Amino acid sequence: MTTRKHEAASEAASRVPHPTAPRGEGGEGQSQRVCLGVVTGPHGVQGAVRIKSFTEEPEDIAHYGPLADDSGRRSFELELIGAAKGVVLAHLSGVEDRDQAEALRGLRLHLPRAALPQTEAEEYYHADLIGLEAVLGDGTPVGRVRAIYDFGAGDTLELTRPCGSPVMVPFTRAVVPTIELAAGRLVLDPPPGLLDESKA
């Protein structure tokens, strides 16, 4: 989750669950499913797995109910058993041994978008923003939101453009004054030079 930052705000803007995927991946805006984590490998010999969680508190990945694979055809109950550096440790239903756990390496665990808590004003799930078209106030297309990053001073949107290199845009109310999720777009008011090709 991310919160659009006012220019005068001192706290960082990012408030995650980033239910999308590792930053730099994701689906369309208002995606029907969002990725809460990915299996990074087995843990031990009894079928446990290591999961990189994309929720604000890593353990929250187990609090939303069954999670599904990319196809949506296979679902897993998740039981947390611990944590290690950068990952949570868990048992997935139906996974009984290390070989089965190893076979799940790279498995992305999804949740229906509707199962996530409603956002507050000025809060957005990364999954809702990724894929949105970015336009100027007069409707001129700029690009599309590819990813969201937090480099320490608040969230930044990465926009891919039809021509030219991607551009990074601060996710502030001043630069992104309007977000129209239903229309699949956001409106930019960039300061001079932000979108210059020479700086892209």
Protein backbone atom coordinates (compact mmCIF):
# COMPACT_ATOMS: atom_id res chain seq x y z
CA MET A 1 0.00 0.00 0.00
CA THR A 2 1.19 3.50 -0.65
CA THR A 3 0.02 6.91 0.49
CA ARG A 4 0.33 9.92 -1.75
CA LYS A 5 2.63 12.34 0.00
CA HIS A 6 2.03 16.04 0.50
CA GLU A 7 5.06 18.18 -0.19
CA ALA A 8 5.16 19.37 3.42
CA ALA A 9 4.84 15.92 4.97
CA SER A 10 7.91 14.72 6.79
CA GLU A 11 7.15 11.01 7.10
CA ALA A 12 7.82 8.51 4.36
CA ALA A 13 4.87 7.97 2.07
CA SER A 14 5.04 4.21 1.66
CA ARG A 15 2.56 2.17 3.66
CA VAL A 16 2.67 -1.38 2.48
CA PRO A 17 1.06 -4.27 2.07
CA HIS A 18 2.52 -3.99 -1.43
CA PRO A 19 0.36 -6.76 -2.69
CA THR A 20 1.72 -6.80 -6.19
CA ALA A 21 4.91 -8.70 -6.61
CA PRO A 22 8.49 -7.83 -5.91
CA ARG A 23 8.69 -4.21 -6.91
CA GLY A 24 9.13 -3.99 -10.62
CA GLU A 25 6.45 -6.58 -11.38
CA GLY A 26 2.72 -6.47 -11.28
CA GLY A 27 -0.52 -6.52 -13.20
CA GLU A 28 -3.07 -4.09 -14.47
CA GLY A 29 -4.55 -1.35 -12.33
CA GLN A 30 -7.51 -2.61 -10.28
CA SER A 31 -6.26 -6.17 -10.80
CA GLN A 32 -8.72 -8.88 -9.74
CA ARG A 33 -5.93 -10.71 -7.91
CA VAL A 34 -2.82 -9.48 -6.15
CA CYS A 35 0.37 -11.30 -5.25
CA LEU A 36 1.09 -11.38 -1.53
CA GLY A 37 4.29 -13.40 -1.66
CA VAL A 38 6.53 -15.82 -3.49
CA VAL A 39 8.03 -19.15 -2.39
CA THR A 40 11.81 -18.82 -2.42
CA GLY A 41 12.62 -22.43 -1.56
CA PRO A 42 12.17 -25.29 0.91
CA HIS A 43 12.92 -25.15 4.62
CA GLY A 44 13.89 -28.36 6.36
CA VAL A 45 12.79 -31.82 5.31
CA GLN A 46 9.11 -31.89 6.31
CA GLY A 47 7.64 -29.80 3.52
CA ALA A 48 7.99 -26.31 4.95
CA VAL A 49 8.78 -23.43 2.60
CA ARG A 50 10.42 -20.03 2.76
CA ILE A 51 8.19 -17.21 1.53
CA LYS A 52 9.15 -13.67 0.63
CA SER A 53 6.13 -11.73 1.87
CA PHE A 54 4.99 -8.45 0.30
CA THR A 55 2.74 -7.37 3.17
CA GLU A 56 3.54 -4.54 5.56
CA GLU A 57 4.07 -7.01 8.38
CA PRO A 58 5.46 -10.19 6.76
CA GLU A 59 3.33 -12.43 8.98
CA ASP A 60 0.16 -10.81 7.66
CA ILE A 61 0.41 -12.99 4.57
CA ALA A 62 -1.29 -15.73 6.59
CA HIS A 63 -4.19 -13.57 7.75
CA TYR A 64 -6.28 -13.33 4.58
CA GLY A 65 -7.27 -16.93 3.98
CA PRO A 66 -6.28 -19.39 1.24
CA LEU A 67 -3.82 -18.16 -1.38
CA ALA A 68 -3.84 -19.32 -5.01
CA ASP A 69 -1.21 -19.95 -7.66
CA ASP A 70 -0.86 -17.89 -10.86
CA SER A 71 -3.58 -19.84 -12.62
CA GLY A 72 -6.00 -19.61 -9.72
CA ARG A 73 -6.71 -23.33 -10.01
CA ARG A 74 -4.66 -24.47 -7.02
CA SER A 75 -5.04 -22.94 -3.59
CA PHE A 76 -3.10 -23.34 -0.38
CA GLU A 77 -3.87 -22.89 3.29
CA LEU A 78 -0.83 -21.29 4.88
CA GLU A 79 0.39 -22.05 8.43
CA LEU A 80 3.23 -19.90 9.70
CA ILE A 81 5.90 -21.69 11.71
CA GLY A 82 8.53 -18.99 12.04
CA ALA A 83 10.62 -16.36 10.34
CA ALA A 84 14.14 -15.99 9.00
CA LYS A 85 16.02 -13.08 7.50
CA GLY A 86 13.79 -11.53 4.87
CA VAL A 87 11.29 -14.41 4.74
CA VAL A 88 8.59 -16.18 6.69
CA LEU A 89 8.59 -19.94 7.19
CA ALA A 90 5.36 -21.79 6.58
CA HIS A 91 3.61 -25.02 5.75
CA LEU A 92 1.37 -25.01 2.68
CA SER A 93 -1.52 -27.44 2.63
CA GLY A 94 -0.81 -30.55 0.59
CA VAL A 95 2.97 -30.14 0.75
CA GLU A 96 4.37 -33.04 2.75
CA ASP A 97 8.10 -33.28 2.05
CA ARG A 98 11.15 -31.37 0.88
CA ASP A 99 10.83 -32.53 -2.74
CA GLN A 100 7.30 -31.16 -2.97
CA ALA A 101 8.44 -27.94 -1.32
CA GLU A 102 11.36 -27.61 -3.74
CA ALA A 103 8.96 -28.01 -6.67
CA LEU A 104 7.13 -24.90 -5.48
CA ARG A 105 10.19 -22.65 -5.70
CA GLY A 106 9.11 -19.47 -7.49
CA LEU A 107 5.41 -20.05 -6.80
CA ARG A 108 3.58 -16.74 -6.51
CA LEU A 109 0.78 -16.69 -3.95
CA HIS A 110 -2.26 -14.62 -4.88
CA LEU A 111 -5.34 -13.30 -3.14
CA PRO A 112 -8.54 -11.93 -4.68
CA ARG A 113 -8.37 -8.13 -4.67
CA ALA A 114 -11.79 -7.99 -3.01
CA ALA A 115 -10.45 -9.85 0.04
CA LEU A 116 -8.03 -7.04 0.93
CA PRO A 117 -9.07 -4.35 3.43
CA GLN A 118 -10.49 -1.15 2.00
CA THR A 119 -7.97 1.68 1.72
CA GLU A 120 -8.32 5.03 3.43
CA ALA A 121 -8.30 8.35 1.63
CA GLU A 122 -4.99 8.94 -0.17
CA GLU A 123 -3.99 5.28 0.28
CA TYR A 124 -3.57 2.96 -2.68
CA TYR A 125 -2.48 -0.61 -3.10
CA HIS A 126 0.46 -0.94 -5.45
CA ALA A 127 -1.64 -3.43 -7.42
CA ASP A 128 -4.20 -0.69 -8.10
CA LEU A 129 -1.62 1.75 -9.43
CA ILE A 130 0.54 -0.53 -11.54
CA GLY A 131 -0.76 -0.55 -15.08
CA LEU A 132 -2.50 2.83 -14.89
CA GLU A 133 -2.04 5.15 -17.84
CA ALA A 134 -0.26 8.41 -16.97
CA VAL A 135 -1.44 11.53 -18.79
CA LEU A 136 -0.92 15.27 -18.53
CA GLY A 137 -3.72 17.61 -17.54
CA ASP A 138 -4.66 18.16 -21.18
CA GLY A 139 -4.90 14.42 -21.80
CA THR A 140 -1.52 14.02 -23.50
CA PRO A 141 -0.31 10.45 -22.89
CA VAL A 142 2.96 10.16 -20.98
CA GLY A 143 3.28 6.45 -20.29
CA ARG A 144 2.11 3.71 -17.97
CA VAL A 145 2.94 2.88 -14.36
CA ARG A 146 5.31 -0.09 -14.38
CA ALA A 147 6.51 -0.20 -10.78
CA ILE A 148 6.59 1.64 -7.47
CA TYR A 149 9.75 2.15 -5.45
CA ASP A 150 10.60 3.66 -2.09
CA PHE A 151 14.14 5.02 -1.99
CA GLY A 152 13.69 6.47 1.49
CA ALA A 153 12.00 9.81 0.83
CA GLY A 154 8.59 8.53 -0.24
CA ASP A 155 7.25 6.47 -3.10
CA THR A 156 8.29 6.99 -6.70
CA LEU A 157 6.43 5.78 -9.77
CA GLU A 158 8.33 4.29 -12.68
CA LEU A 159 6.61 5.11 -15.95
CA THR A 160 7.34 3.28 -19.18
CA ARG A 161 6.91 5.39 -22.30
CA PRO A 162 6.14 4.43 -25.90
CA CYS A 163 9.23 6.31 -27.00
CA GLY A 164 12.24 6.99 -24.84
CA SER A 165 13.51 5.61 -21.60
CA PRO A 166 11.39 5.04 -18.48
CA VAL A 167 11.00 8.03 -16.19
CA MET A 168 10.74 8.22 -12.39
CA VAL A 169 7.99 10.43 -10.97
CA PRO A 170 7.59 11.36 -7.27
CA PHE A 171 4.27 10.06 -5.95
CA THR A 172 3.20 13.32 -4.34
CA ARG A 173 -0.04 15.25 -4.51
CA ALA A 174 1.80 18.08 -6.29
CA VAL A 175 3.12 15.88 -9.11
CA VAL A 176 0.22 13.39 -9.23
CA PRO A 177 -2.80 15.55 -8.35
CA THR A 178 -5.47 13.21 -9.74
CA ILE A 179 -5.90 9.45 -9.61
CA GLU A 180 -8.85 7.96 -11.49
CA LEU A 181 -8.83 4.25 -10.73
CA ALA A 182 -12.15 3.60 -12.46
CA ALA A 183 -10.85 5.25 -15.63
CA GLY A 184 -7.54 3.41 -15.39
CA ARG A 185 -5.40 6.53 -15.34
CA LEU A 186 -3.64 9.14 -13.26
CA VAL A 187 -2.96 12.77 -14.15
CA LEU A 188 0.50 14.33 -13.84
CA ASP A 189 1.49 17.93 -13.20
CA PRO A 190 5.26 17.53 -13.59
CA PRO A 191 7.68 20.31 -12.72
CA PRO A 192 9.76 21.68 -15.62
CA GLY A 193 12.34 19.19 -16.83
CA LEU A 194 10.97 16.11 -15.08
CA LEU A 195 9.88 14.42 -18.30
CA ASP A 196 12.71 15.72 -20.52
CA GLU A 197 14.14 13.02 -22.75
CA SER A 198 17.64 14.13 -21.84
CA LYS A 199 16.94 13.23 -18.20
CA ALA A 200 15.07 10.01 -18.88
